[in-house]
């Protein structure tokens, strides 16, 4: 899906990591 290096970090940093912190 990513068209640039910055897009590779969007979901891991802004979605997955916060969900992990809020997931117990």
PDBML (XML) file of the C-alpha atoms, coordinates in Angstrom:
<?xml version="1.0" encoding="UTF-8" ?>
<PDBx:datablock datablockName="MODEL"
   xmlns:PDBx="http://pdbml.pdb.org/schema/pdbx-v50.xsd"
   xmlns:xsi="http://www.w3.org/2001/XMLSchema-instance"
   xsi:schemaLocation="http://pdbml.pdb.org/schema/pdbx-v50.xsd pdbx-v50.xsd">
   <PDBx:atom_siteCategory>
      <PDBx:atom_site id="1">
         <PDBx:B_iso_or_equiv>0.00</PDBx:B_iso_or_equiv>
         <PDBx:Cartn_x>0.000</PDBx:Cartn_x>
         <PDBx:Cartn_y>0.000</PDBx:Cartn_y>
         <PDBx:Cartn_z>0.000</PDBx:Cartn_z>
         <PDBx:auth_asym_id>A</PDBx:auth_asym_id>
         <PDBx:auth_atom_id>CA</PDBx:auth_atom_id>
         <PDBx:auth_comp_id>UNK</PDBx:auth_comp_id>
         <PDBx:auth_seq_id>1</PDBx:auth_seq_id>
         <PDBx:group_PDB>ATOM</PDBx:group_PDB>
         <PDBx:label_alt_id xsi:nil="true" />
         <PDBx:label_asym_id>A</PDBx:label_asym_id>
         <PDBx:label_atom_id>CA</PDBx:label_atom_id>
         <PDBx:label_comp_id>UNK</PDBx:label_comp_id>
         <PDBx:label_entity_id>1</PDBx:label_entity_id>
         <PDBx:label_seq_id>1</PDBx:label_seq_id>
         <PDBx:occupancy>1.00</PDBx:occupancy>
         <PDBx:pdbx_PDB_model_num>1</PDBx:pdbx_PDB_model_num>
         <PDBx:type_symbol>C</PDBx:type_symbol>
      </PDBx:atom_site>
      <PDBx:atom_site id="2">
         <PDBx:B_iso_or_equiv>0.00</PDBx:B_iso_or_equiv>
         <PDBx:Cartn_x>2.798</PDBx:Cartn_x>
         <PDBx:Cartn_y>2.445</PDBx:Cartn_y>
         <PDBx:Cartn_z>0.894</PDBx:Cartn_z>
         <PDBx:auth_asym_id>A</PDBx:auth_asym_id>
         <PDBx:auth_atom_id>CA</PDBx:auth_atom_id>
         <PDBx:auth_comp_id>UNK</PDBx:auth_comp_id>
         <PDBx:auth_seq_id>2</PDBx:auth_seq_id>
         <PDBx:group_PDB>ATOM</PDBx:group_PDB>
         <PDBx:label_alt_id xsi:nil="true" />
         <PDBx:label_asym_id>A</PDBx:label_asym_id>
         <PDBx:label_atom_id>CA</PDBx:label_atom_id>
         <PDBx:label_comp_id>UNK</PDBx:label_comp_id>
         <PDBx:label_entity_id>1</PDBx:label_entity_id>
         <PDBx:label_seq_id>2</PDBx:label_seq_id>
         <PDBx:occupancy>1.00</PDBx:occupancy>
         <PDBx:pdbx_PDB_model_num>1</PDBx:pdbx_PDB_model_num>
         <PDBx:type_symbol>C</PDBx:type_symbol>
      </PDBx:atom_site>
      <PDBx:atom_site id="3">
         <PDBx:B_iso_or_equiv>0.00</PDBx:B_iso_or_equiv>
         <PDBx:Cartn_x>4.051</PDBx:Cartn_x>
         <PDBx:Cartn_y>4.804</PDBx:Cartn_y>
         <PDBx:Cartn_z>-1.800</PDBx:Cartn_z>
         <PDBx:auth_asym_id>A</PDBx:auth_asym_id>
         <PDBx:auth_atom_id>CA</PDBx:auth_atom_id>
         <PDBx:auth_comp_id>UNK</PDBx:auth_comp_id>
         <PDBx:auth_seq_id>3</PDBx:auth_seq_id>
         <PDBx:group_PDB>ATOM</PDBx:group_PDB>
         <PDBx:label_alt_id xsi:nil="true" />
         <PDBx:label_asym_id>A</PDBx:label_asym_id>
         <PDBx:label_atom_id>CA</PDBx:label_atom_id>
         <PDBx:label_comp_id>UNK</PDBx:label_comp_id>
         <PDBx:label_entity_id>1</PDBx:label_entity_id>
         <PDBx:label_seq_id>3</PDBx:label_seq_id>
         <PDBx:occupancy>1.00</PDBx:occupancy>
         <PDBx:pdbx_PDB_model_num>1</PDBx:pdbx_PDB_model_num>
         <PDBx:type_symbol>C</PDBx:type_symbol>
      </PDBx:atom_site>
      <PDBx:atom_site id="4">
         <PDBx:B_iso_or_equiv>0.00</PDBx:B_iso_or_equiv>
         <PDBx:Cartn_x>6.894</PDBx:Cartn_x>
         <PDBx:Cartn_y>6.247</PDBx:Cartn_y>
         <PDBx:Cartn_z>0.299</PDBx:Cartn_z>
         <PDBx:auth_asym_id>A</PDBx:auth_asym_id>
         <PDBx:auth_atom_id>CA</PDBx:auth_atom_id>
         <PDBx:auth_comp_id>UNK</PDBx:auth_comp_id>
         <PDBx:auth_seq_id>4</PDBx:auth_seq_id>
         <PDBx:group_PDB>ATOM</PDBx:group_PDB>
         <PDBx:label_alt_id xsi:nil="true" />
         <PDBx:label_asym_id>A</PDBx:label_asym_id>
         <PDBx:label_atom_id>CA</PDBx:label_atom_id>
         <PDBx:label_comp_id>UNK</PDBx:label_comp_id>
         <PDBx:label_entity_id>1</PDBx:label_entity_id>
         <PDBx:label_seq_id>4</PDBx:label_seq_id>
         <PDBx:occupancy>1.00</PDBx:occupancy>
         <PDBx:pdbx_PDB_model_num>1</PDBx:pdbx_PDB_model_num>
         <PDBx:type_symbol>C</PDBx:type_symbol>
      </PDBx:atom_site>
      <PDBx:atom_site id="5">
         <PDBx:B_iso_or_equiv>0.00</PDBx:B_iso_or_equiv>
         <PDBx:Cartn_x>9.048</PDBx:Cartn_x>
         <PDBx:Cartn_y>5.496</PDBx:Cartn_y>
         <PDBx:Cartn_z>3.328</PDBx:Cartn_z>
         <PDBx:auth_asym_id>A</PDBx:auth_asym_id>
         <PDBx:auth_atom_id>CA</PDBx:auth_atom_id>
         <PDBx:auth_comp_id>UNK</PDBx:auth_comp_id>
         <PDBx:auth_seq_id>5</PDBx:auth_seq_id>
         <PDBx:group_PDB>ATOM</PDBx:group_PDB>
         <PDBx:label_alt_id xsi:nil="true" />
         <PDBx:label_asym_id>A</PDBx:label_asym_id>
         <PDBx:label_atom_id>CA</PDBx:label_atom_id>
         <PDBx:label_comp_id>UNK</PDBx:label_comp_id>
         <PDBx:label_entity_id>1</PDBx:label_entity_id>
         <PDBx:label_seq_id>5</PDBx:label_seq_id>
         <PDBx:occupancy>1.00</PDBx:occupancy>
         <PDBx:pdbx_PDB_model_num>1</PDBx:pdbx_PDB_model_num>
         <PDBx:type_symbol>C</PDBx:type_symbol>
      </PDBx:atom_site>
      <PDBx:atom_site id="6">
         <PDBx:B_iso_or_equiv>0.00</PDBx:B_iso_or_equiv>
         <PDBx:Cartn_x>6.978</PDBx:Cartn_x>
         <PDBx:Cartn_y>7.771</PDBx:Cartn_y>
         <PDBx:Cartn_z>5.545</PDBx:Cartn_z>
         <PDBx:auth_asym_id>A</PDBx:auth_asym_id>
         <PDBx:auth_atom_id>CA</PDBx:auth_atom_id>
         <PDBx:auth_comp_id>UNK</PDBx:auth_comp_id>
         <PDBx:auth_seq_id>6</PDBx:auth_seq_id>
         <PDBx:group_PDB>ATOM</PDBx:group_PDB>
         <PDBx:label_alt_id xsi:nil="true" />
         <PDBx:label_asym_id>A</PDBx:label_asym_id>
         <PDBx:label_atom_id>CA</PDBx:label_atom_id>
         <PDBx:label_comp_id>UNK</PDBx:label_comp_id>
         <PDBx:label_entity_id>1</PDBx:label_entity_id>
         <PDBx:label_seq_id>6</PDBx:label_seq_id>
         <PDBx:occupancy>1.00</PDBx:occupancy>
         <PDBx:pdbx_PDB_model_num>1</PDBx:pdbx_PDB_model_num>
         <PDBx:type_symbol>C</PDBx:type_symbol>
      </PDBx:atom_site>
      <PDBx:atom_site id="7">
         <PDBx:B_iso_or_equiv>0.00</PDBx:B_iso_or_equiv>
         <PDBx:Cartn_x>3.835</PDBx:Cartn_x>
         <PDBx:Cartn_y>5.709</PDBx:Cartn_y>
         <PDBx:Cartn_z>4.888</PDBx:Cartn_z>
         <PDBx:auth_asym_id>A</PDBx:auth_asym_id>
         <PDBx:auth_atom_id>CA</PDBx:auth_atom_id>
         <PDBx:auth_comp_id>UNK</PDBx:auth_comp_id>
         <PDBx:auth_seq_id>7</PDBx:auth_seq_id>
         <PDBx:group_PDB>ATOM</PDBx:group_PDB>
         <PDBx:label_alt_id xsi:nil="true" />
         <PDBx:label_asym_id>A</PDBx:label_asym_id>
         <PDBx:label_atom_id>CA</PDBx:label_atom_id>
         <PDBx:label_comp_id>UNK</PDBx:label_comp_id>
         <PDBx:label_entity_id>1</PDBx:label_entity_id>
         <PDBx:label_seq_id>7</PDBx:label_seq_id>
         <PDBx:occupancy>1.00</PDBx:occupancy>
         <PDBx:pdbx_PDB_model_num>1</PDBx:pdbx_PDB_model_num>
         <PDBx:type_symbol>C</PDBx:type_symbol>
      </PDBx:atom_site>
      <PDBx:atom_site id="8">
         <PDBx:B_iso_or_equiv>0.00</PDBx:B_iso_or_equiv>
         <PDBx:Cartn_x>5.588</PDBx:Cartn_x>
         <PDBx:Cartn_y>2.578</PDBx:Cartn_y>
         <PDBx:Cartn_z>6.178</PDBx:Cartn_z>
         <PDBx:auth_asym_id>A</PDBx:auth_asym_id>
         <PDBx:auth_atom_id>CA</PDBx:auth_atom_id>
         <PDBx:auth_comp_id>UNK</PDBx:auth_comp_id>
         <PDBx:auth_seq_id>8</PDBx:auth_seq_id>
         <PDBx:group_PDB>ATOM</PDBx:group_PDB>
         <PDBx:label_alt_id xsi:nil="true" />
         <PDBx:label_asym_id>A</PDBx:label_asym_id>
         <PDBx:label_atom_id>CA</PDBx:label_atom_id>
         <PDBx:label_comp_id>UNK</PDBx:label_comp_id>
         <PDBx:label_entity_id>1</PDBx:label_entity_id>
         <PDBx:label_seq_id>8</PDBx:label_seq_id>
         <PDBx:occupancy>1.00</PDBx:occupancy>
         <PDBx:pdbx_PDB_model_num>1</PDBx:pdbx_PDB_model_num>
         <PDBx:type_symbol>C</PDBx:type_symbol>
      </PDBx:atom_site>
      <PDBx:atom_site id="9">
         <PDBx:B_iso_or_equiv>0.00</PDBx:B_iso_or_equiv>
         <PDBx:Cartn_x>5.582</PDBx:Cartn_x>
         <PDBx:Cartn_y>4.119</PDBx:Cartn_y>
         <PDBx:Cartn_z>9.673</PDBx:Cartn_z>
         <PDBx:auth_asym_id>A</PDBx:auth_asym_id>
         <PDBx:auth_atom_id>CA</PDBx:auth_atom_id>
         <PDBx:auth_comp_id>UNK</PDBx:auth_comp_id>
         <PDBx:auth_seq_id>9</PDBx:auth_seq_id>
         <PDBx:group_PDB>ATOM</PDBx:group_PDB>
         <PDBx:label_alt_id xsi:nil="true" />
         <PDBx:label_asym_id>A</PDBx:label_asym_id>
         <PDBx:label_atom_id>CA</PDBx:label_atom_id>
         <PDBx:label_comp_id>UNK</PDBx:label_comp_id>
         <PDBx:label_entity_id>1</PDBx:label_entity_id>
         <PDBx:label_seq_id>9</PDBx:label_seq_id>
         <PDBx:occupancy>1.00</PDBx:occupancy>
         <PDBx:pdbx_PDB_model_num>1</PDBx:pdbx_PDB_model_num>
         <PDBx:type_symbol>C</PDBx:type_symbol>
      </PDBx:atom_site>
      <PDBx:atom_site id="10">
         <PDBx:B_iso_or_equiv>0.00</PDBx:B_iso_or_equiv>
         <PDBx:Cartn_x>2.097</PDBx:Cartn_x>
         <PDBx:Cartn_y>5.641</PDBx:Cartn_y>
         <PDBx:Cartn_z>9.766</PDBx:Cartn_z>
         <PDBx:auth_asym_id>A</PDBx:auth_asym_id>
         <PDBx:auth_atom_id>CA</PDBx:auth_atom_id>
         <PDBx:auth_comp_id>UNK</PDBx:auth_comp_id>
         <PDBx:auth_seq_id>10</PDBx:auth_seq_id>
         <PDBx:group_PDB>ATOM</PDBx:group_PDB>
         <PDBx:label_alt_id xsi:nil="true" />
         <PDBx:label_asym_id>A</PDBx:label_asym_id>
         <PDBx:label_atom_id>CA</PDBx:label_atom_id>
         <PDBx:label_comp_id>UNK</PDBx:label_comp_id>
         <PDBx:label_entity_id>1</PDBx:label_entity_id>
         <PDBx:label_seq_id>10</PDBx:label_seq_id>
         <PDBx:occupancy>1.00</PDBx:occupancy>
         <PDBx:pdbx_PDB_model_num>1</PDBx:pdbx_PDB_model_num>
         <PDBx:type_symbol>C</PDBx:type_symbol>
      </PDBx:atom_site>
      <PDBx:atom_site id="11">
         <PDBx:B_iso_or_equiv>0.00</PDBx:B_iso_or_equiv>
         <PDBx:Cartn_x>0.121</PDBx:Cartn_x>
         <PDBx:Cartn_y>2.567</PDBx:Cartn_y>
         <PDBx:Cartn_z>10.822</PDBx:Cartn_z>
         <PDBx:auth_asym_id>A</PDBx:auth_asym_id>
         <PDBx:auth_atom_id>CA</PDBx:auth_atom_id>
         <PDBx:auth_comp_id>UNK</PDBx:auth_comp_id>
         <PDBx:auth_seq_id>11</PDBx:auth_seq_id>
         <PDBx:group_PDB>ATOM</PDBx:group_PDB>
         <PDBx:label_alt_id xsi:nil="true" />
         <PDBx:label_asym_id>A</PDBx:label_asym_id>
         <PDBx:label_atom_id>CA</PDBx:label_atom_id>
         <PDBx:label_comp_id>UNK</PDBx:label_comp_id>
         <PDBx:label_entity_id>1</PDBx:label_entity_id>
         <PDBx:label_seq_id>11</PDBx:label_seq_id>
         <PDBx:occupancy>1.00</PDBx:occupancy>
         <PDBx:pdbx_PDB_model_num>1</PDBx:pdbx_PDB_model_num>
         <PDBx:type_symbol>C</PDBx:type_symbol>
      </PDBx:atom_site>
      <PDBx:atom_site id="12">
         <PDBx:B_iso_or_equiv>0.00</PDBx:B_iso_or_equiv>
         <PDBx:Cartn_x>2.764</PDBx:Cartn_x>
         <PDBx:Cartn_y>1.027</PDBx:Cartn_y>
         <PDBx:Cartn_z>13.155</PDBx:Cartn_z>
         <PDBx:auth_asym_id>A</PDBx:auth_asym_id>
         <PDBx:auth_atom_id>CA</PDBx:auth_atom_id>
         <PDBx:auth_comp_id>UNK</PDBx:auth_comp_id>
         <PDBx:auth_seq_id>12</PDBx:auth_seq_id>
         <PDBx:group_PDB>ATOM</PDBx:group_PDB>
         <PDBx:label_alt_id xsi:nil="true" />
         <PDBx:label_asym_id>A</PDBx:label_asym_id>
         <PDBx:label_atom_id>CA</PDBx:label_atom_id>
         <PDBx:label_comp_id>UNK</PDBx:label_comp_id>
         <PDBx:label_entity_id>1</PDBx:label_entity_id>
         <PDBx:label_seq_id>12</PDBx:label_seq_id>
         <PDBx:occupancy>1.00</PDBx:occupancy>
         <PDBx:pdbx_PDB_model_num>1</PDBx:pdbx_PDB_model_num>
         <PDBx:type_symbol>C</PDBx:type_symbol>
      </PDBx:atom_site>
      <PDBx:atom_site id="13">
         <PDBx:B_iso_or_equiv>0.00</PDBx:B_iso_or_equiv>
         <PDBx:Cartn_x>3.333</PDBx:Cartn_x>
         <PDBx:Cartn_y>4.336</PDBx:Cartn_y>
         <PDBx:Cartn_z>14.990</PDBx:Cartn_z>
         <PDBx:auth_asym_id>A</PDBx:auth_asym_id>
         <PDBx:auth_atom_id>CA</PDBx:auth_atom_id>
         <PDBx:auth_comp_id>UNK</PDBx:auth_comp_id>
         <PDBx:auth_seq_id>13</PDBx:auth_seq_id>
         <PDBx:group_PDB>ATOM</PDBx:group_PDB>
         <PDBx:label_alt_id xsi:nil="true" />
         <PDBx:label_asym_id>A</PDBx:label_asym_id>
         <PDBx:label_atom_id>CA</PDBx:label_atom_id>
         <PDBx:label_comp_id>UNK</PDBx:label_comp_id>
         <PDBx:label_entity_id>1</PDBx:label_entity_id>
         <PDBx:label_seq_id>13</PDBx:label_seq_id>
         <PDBx:occupancy>1.00</PDBx:occupancy>
         <PDBx:pdbx_PDB_model_num>1</PDBx:pdbx_PDB_model_num>
         <PDBx:type_symbol>C</PDBx:type_symbol>
      </PDBx:atom_site>
      <PDBx:atom_site id="14">
         <PDBx:B_iso_or_equiv>0.00</PDBx:B_iso_or_equiv>
         <PDBx:Cartn_x>-0.136</PDBx:Cartn_x>
         <PDBx:Cartn_y>5.886</PDBx:Cartn_y>
         <PDBx:Cartn_z>14.933</PDBx:Cartn_z>
         <PDBx:auth_asym_id>A</PDBx:auth_asym_id>
         <PDBx:auth_atom_id>CA</PDBx:auth_atom_id>
         <PDBx:auth_comp_id>UNK</PDBx:auth_comp_id>
         <PDBx:auth_seq_id>14</PDBx:auth_seq_id>
         <PDBx:group_PDB>ATOM</PDBx:group_PDB>
         <PDBx:label_alt_id xsi:nil="true" />
         <PDBx:label_asym_id>A</PDBx:label_asym_id>
         <PDBx:label_atom_id>CA</PDBx:label_atom_id>
         <PDBx:label_comp_id>UNK</PDBx:label_comp_id>
         <PDBx:label_entity_id>1</PDBx:label_entity_id>
         <PDBx:label_seq_id>14</PDBx:label_seq_id>
         <PDBx:occupancy>1.00</PDBx:occupancy>
         <PDBx:pdbx_PDB_model_num>1</PDBx:pdbx_PDB_model_num>
         <PDBx:type_symbol>C</PDBx:type_symbol>
      </PDBx:atom_site>
      <PDBx:atom_site id="15">
         <PDBx:B_iso_or_equiv>0.00</PDBx:B_iso_or_equiv>
         <PDBx:Cartn_x>-2.328</PDBx:Cartn_x>
         <PDBx:Cartn_y>2.769</PDBx:Cartn_y>
         <PDBx:Cartn_z>15.127</PDBx:Cartn_z>
         <PDBx:auth_asym_id>A</PDBx:auth_asym_id>
         <PDBx:auth_atom_id>CA</PDBx:auth_atom_id>
         <PDBx:auth_comp_id>UNK</PDBx:auth_comp_id>
         <PDBx:auth_seq_id>15</PDBx:auth_seq_id>
         <PDBx:group_PDB>ATOM</PDBx:group_PDB>
         <PDBx:label_alt_id xsi:nil="true" />
         <PDBx:label_asym_id>A</PDBx:label_asym_id>
         <PDBx:label_atom_id>CA</PDBx:label_atom_id>
         <PDBx:label_comp_id>UNK</PDBx:label_comp_id>
         <PDBx:label_entity_id>1</PDBx:label_entity_id>
         <PDBx:label_seq_id>15</PDBx:label_seq_id>
         <PDBx:occupancy>1.00</PDBx:occupancy>
         <PDBx:pdbx_PDB_model_num>1</PDBx:pdbx_PDB_model_num>
         <PDBx:type_symbol>C</PDBx:type_symbol>
      </PDBx:atom_site>
      <PDBx:atom_site id="16">
         <PDBx:B_iso_or_equiv>0.00</PDBx:B_iso_or_equiv>
         <PDBx:Cartn_x>-0.593</PDBx:Cartn_x>
         <PDBx:Cartn_y>-0.414</PDBx:Cartn_y>
         <PDBx:Cartn_z>16.291</PDBx:Cartn_z>
         <PDBx:auth_asym_id>A</PDBx:auth_asym_id>
         <PDBx:auth_atom_id>CA</PDBx:auth_atom_id>
         <PDBx:auth_comp_id>UNK</PDBx:auth_comp_id>
         <PDBx:auth_seq_id>16</PDBx:auth_seq_id>
         <PDBx:group_PDB>ATOM</PDBx:group_PDB>
         <PDBx:label_alt_id xsi:nil="true" />
         <PDBx:label_asym_id>A</PDBx:label_asym_id>
         <PDBx:label_atom_id>CA</PDBx:label_atom_id>
         <PDBx:label_comp_id>UNK</PDBx:label_comp_id>
         <PDBx:label_entity_id>1</PDBx:label_entity_id>
         <PDBx:label_seq_id>16</PDBx:label_seq_id>
         <PDBx:occupancy>1.00</PDBx:occupancy>
         <PDBx:pdbx_PDB_model_num>1</PDBx:pdbx_PDB_model_num>
         <PDBx:type_symbol>C</PDBx:type_symbol>
      </PDBx:atom_site>
      <PDBx:atom_site id="17">
         <PDBx:B_iso_or_equiv>0.00</PDBx:B_iso_or_equiv>
         <PDBx:Cartn_x>1.601</PDBx:Cartn_x>
         <PDBx:Cartn_y>1.029</PDBx:Cartn_y>
         <PDBx:Cartn_z>19.074</PDBx:Cartn_z>
         <PDBx:auth_asym_id>A</PDBx:auth_asym_id>
         <PDBx:auth_atom_id>CA</PDBx:auth_atom_id>
         <PDBx:auth_comp_id>UNK</PDBx:auth_comp_id>
         <PDBx:auth_seq_id>17</PDBx:auth_seq_id>
         <PDBx:group_PDB>ATOM</PDBx:group_PDB>
         <PDBx:label_alt_id xsi:nil="true" />
         <PDBx:label_asym_id>A</PDBx:label_asym_id>
         <PDBx:label_atom_id>CA</PDBx:label_atom_id>
         <PDBx:label_comp_id>UNK</PDBx:label_comp_id>
         <PDBx:label_entity_id>1</PDBx:label_entity_id>
         <PDBx:label_seq_id>17</PDBx:label_seq_id>
         <PDBx:occupancy>1.00</PDBx:occupancy>
         <PDBx:pdbx_PDB_model_num>1</PDBx:pdbx_PDB_model_num>
         <PDBx:type_symbol>C</PDBx:type_symbol>
      </PDBx:atom_site>
      <PDBx:atom_site id="18">
         <PDBx:B_iso_or_equiv>0.00</PDBx:B_iso_or_equiv>
         <PDBx:Cartn_x>-1.238</PDBx:Cartn_x>
         <PDBx:Cartn_y>3.041</PDBx:Cartn_y>
         <PDBx:Cartn_z>20.714</PDBx:Cartn_z>
         <PDBx:auth_asym_id>A</PDBx:auth_asym_id>
         <PDBx:auth_atom_id>CA</PDBx:auth_atom_id>
         <PDBx:auth_comp_id>UNK</PDBx:auth_comp_id>
         <PDBx:auth_seq_id>18</PDBx:auth_seq_id>
         <PDBx:group_PDB>ATOM</PDBx:group_PDB>
         <PDBx:label_alt_id xsi:nil="true" />
         <PDBx:label_asym_id>A</PDBx:label_asym_id>
         <PDBx:label_atom_id>CA</PDBx:label_atom_id>
         <PDBx:label_comp_id>UNK</PDBx:label_comp_id>
         <PDBx:label_entity_id>1</PDBx:label_entity_id>
         <PDBx:label_seq_id>18</PDBx:label_seq_id>
         <PDBx:occupancy>1.00</PDBx:occupancy>
         <PDBx:pdbx_PDB_model_num>1</PDBx:pdbx_PDB_model_num>
         <PDBx:type_symbol>C</PDBx:type_symbol>
      </PDBx:atom_site>
      <PDBx:atom_site id="19">
         <PDBx:B_iso_or_equiv>0.00</PDBx:B_iso_or_equiv>
         <PDBx:Cartn_x>-3.536</PDBx:Cartn_x>
         <PDBx:Cartn_y>0.004</PDBx:Cartn_y>
         <PDBx:Cartn_z>20.493</PDBx:Cartn_z>
         <PDBx:auth_asym_id>A</PDBx:auth_asym_id>
         <PDBx:auth_atom_id>CA</PDBx:auth_atom_id>
         <PDBx:auth_comp_id>UNK</PDBx:auth_comp_id>
         <PDBx:auth_seq_id>19</PDBx:auth_seq_id>
         <PDBx:group_PDB>ATOM</PDBx:group_PDB>
         <PDBx:label_alt_id xsi:nil="true" />
         <PDBx:label_asym_id>A</PDBx:label_asym_id>
         <PDBx:label_atom_id>CA</PDBx:label_atom_id>
         <PDBx:label_comp_id>UNK</PDBx:label_comp_id>
         <PDBx:label_entity_id>1</PDBx:label_entity_id>
         <PDBx:label_seq_id>19</PDBx:label_seq_id>
         <PDBx:occupancy>1.00</PDBx:occupancy>
         <PDBx:pdbx_PDB_model_num>1</PDBx:pdbx_PDB_model_num>
         <PDBx:type_symbol>C</PDBx:type_symbol>
      </PDBx:atom_site>
      <PDBx:atom_site id="20">
         <PDBx:B_iso_or_equiv>0.00</PDBx:B_iso_or_equiv>
         <PDBx:Cartn_x>-0.820</PDBx:Cartn_x>
         <PDBx:Cartn_y>-2.100</PDBx:Cartn_y>
         <PDBx:Cartn_z>22.156</PDBx:Cartn_z>
         <PDBx:auth_asym_id>A</PDBx:auth_asym_id>
         <PDBx:auth_atom_id>CA</PDBx:auth_atom_id>
         <PDBx:auth_comp_id>UNK</PDBx:auth_comp_id>
         <PDBx:auth_seq_id>20</PDBx:auth_seq_id>
         <PDBx:group_PDB>ATOM</PDBx:group_PDB>
         <PDBx:label_alt_id xsi:nil="true" />
         <PDBx:label_asym_id>A</PDBx:label_asym_id>
         <PDBx:label_atom_id>CA</PDBx:label_atom_id>
         <PDBx:label_comp_id>UNK</PDBx:label_comp_id>
         <PDBx:label_entity_id>1</PDBx:label_entity_id>
         <PDBx:label_seq_id>20</PDBx:label_seq_id>
         <PDBx:occupancy>1.00</PDBx:occupancy>
         <PDBx:pdbx_PDB_model_num>1</PDBx:pdbx_PDB_model_num>
         <PDBx:type_symbol>C</PDBx:type_symbol>
      </PDBx:atom_site>
      <PDBx:atom_site id="21">
         <PDBx:B_iso_or_equiv>0.00</PDBx:B_iso_or_equiv>
         <PDBx:Cartn_x>-0.439</PDBx:Cartn_x>
         <PDBx:Cartn_y>0.394</PDBx:Cartn_y>
         <PDBx:Cartn_z>25.004</PDBx:Cartn_z>
         <PDBx:auth_asym_id>A</PDBx:auth_asym_id>
         <PDBx:auth_atom_id>CA</PDBx:auth_atom_id>
         <PDBx:auth_comp_id>UNK</PDBx:auth_comp_id>
         <PDBx:auth_seq_id>21</PDBx:auth_seq_id>
         <PDBx:group_PDB>ATOM</PDBx:group_PDB>
         <PDBx:label_alt_id xsi:nil="true" />
         <PDBx:label_asym_id>A</PDBx:label_asym_id>
         <PDBx:label_atom_id>CA</PDBx:label_atom_id>
         <PDBx:label_comp_id>UNK</PDBx:label_comp_id>
         <PDBx:label_entity_id>1</PDBx:label_entity_id>
         <PDBx:label_seq_id>21</PDBx:label_seq_id>
         <PDBx:occupancy>1.00</PDBx:occupancy>
         <PDBx:pdbx_PDB_model_num>1</PDBx:pdbx_PDB_model_num>
         <PDBx:type_symbol>C</PDBx:type_symbol>
      </PDBx:atom_site>
      <PDBx:atom_site id="22">
         <PDBx:B_iso_or_equiv>0.00</PDBx:B_iso_or_equiv>
         <PDBx:Cartn_x>-4.226</PDBx:Cartn_x>
         <PDBx:Cartn_y>0.580</PDBx:Cartn_y>
         <PDBx:Cartn_z>25.450</PDBx:Cartn_z>
         <PDBx:auth_asym_id>A</PDBx:auth_asym_id>
         <PDBx:auth_atom_id>CA</PDBx:auth_atom_id>
         <PDBx:auth_comp_id>UNK</PDBx:auth_comp_id>
         <PDBx:auth_seq_id>22</PDBx:auth_seq_id>
         <PDBx:group_PDB>ATOM</PDBx:group_PDB>
         <PDBx:label_alt_id xsi:nil="true" />
         <PDBx:label_asym_id>A</PDBx:label_asym_id>
         <PDBx:label_atom_id>CA</PDBx:label_atom_id>
         <PDBx:label_comp_id>UNK</PDBx:label_comp_id>
         <PDBx:label_entity_id>1</PDBx:label_entity_id>
         <PDBx:label_seq_id>22</PDBx:label_seq_id>
         <PDBx:occupancy>1.00</PDBx:occupancy>
         <PDBx:pdbx_PDB_model_num>1</PDBx:pdbx_PDB_model_num>
         <PDBx:type_symbol>C</PDBx:type_symbol>
      </PDBx:atom_site>
      <PDBx:atom_site id="23">
         <PDBx:B_iso_or_equiv>0.00</PDBx:B_iso_or_equiv>
         <PDBx:Cartn_x>-4.636</PDBx:Cartn_x>
         <PDBx:Cartn_y>-3.180</PDBx:Cartn_y>
         <PDBx:Cartn_z>25.033</PDBx:Cartn_z>
         <PDBx:auth_asym_id>A</PDBx:auth_asym_id>
         <PDBx:auth_atom_id>CA</PDBx:auth_atom_id>
         <PDBx:auth_comp_id>UNK</PDBx:auth_comp_id>
         <PDBx:auth_seq_id>23</PDBx:auth_seq_id>
         <PDBx:group_PDB>ATOM</PDBx:group_PDB>
         <PDBx:label_alt_id xsi:nil="true" />
         <PDBx:label_asym_id>A</PDBx:label_asym_id>
         <PDBx:label_atom_id>CA</PDBx:label_atom_id>
         <PDBx:label_comp_id>UNK</PDBx:label_comp_id>
         <PDBx:label_entity_id>1</PDBx:label_entity_id>
         <PDBx:label_seq_id>23</PDBx:label_seq_id>
         <PDBx:occupancy>1.00</PDBx:occupancy>
         <PDBx:pdbx_PDB_model_num>1</PDBx:pdbx_PDB_model_num>
         <PDBx:type_symbol>C</PDBx:type_symbol>
      </PDBx:atom_site>
      <PDBx:atom_site id="24">
         <PDBx:B_iso_or_equiv>0.00</PDBx:B_iso_or_equiv>
         <PDBx:Cartn_x>-3.370</PDBx:Cartn_x>
         <PDBx:Cartn_y>-4.171</PDBx:Cartn_y>
         <PDBx:Cartn_z>28.468</PDBx:Cartn_z>
         <PDBx:auth_asym_id>A</PDBx:auth_asym_id>
         <PDBx:auth_atom_id>CA</PDBx:auth_atom_id>
         <PDBx:auth_comp_id>UNK</PDBx:auth_comp_id>
         <PDBx:auth_seq_id>24</PDBx:auth_seq_id>
         <PDBx:group_PDB>ATOM</PDBx:group_PDB>
         <PDBx:label_alt_id xsi:nil="true" />
         <PDBx:label_asym_id>A</PDBx:label_asym_id>
         <PDBx:label_atom_id>CA</PDBx:label_atom_id>
         <PDBx:label_comp_id>UNK</PDBx:label_comp_id>
         <PDBx:label_entity_id>1</PDBx:label_entity_id>
         <PDBx:label_seq_id>24</PDBx:label_seq_id>
         <PDBx:occupancy>1.00</PDBx:occupancy>
         <PDBx:pdbx_PDB_model_num>1</PDBx:pdbx_PDB_model_num>
         <PDBx:type_symbol>C</PDBx:type_symbol>
      </PDBx:atom_site>
   </PDBx:atom_siteCategory>
</PDBx:datablock>
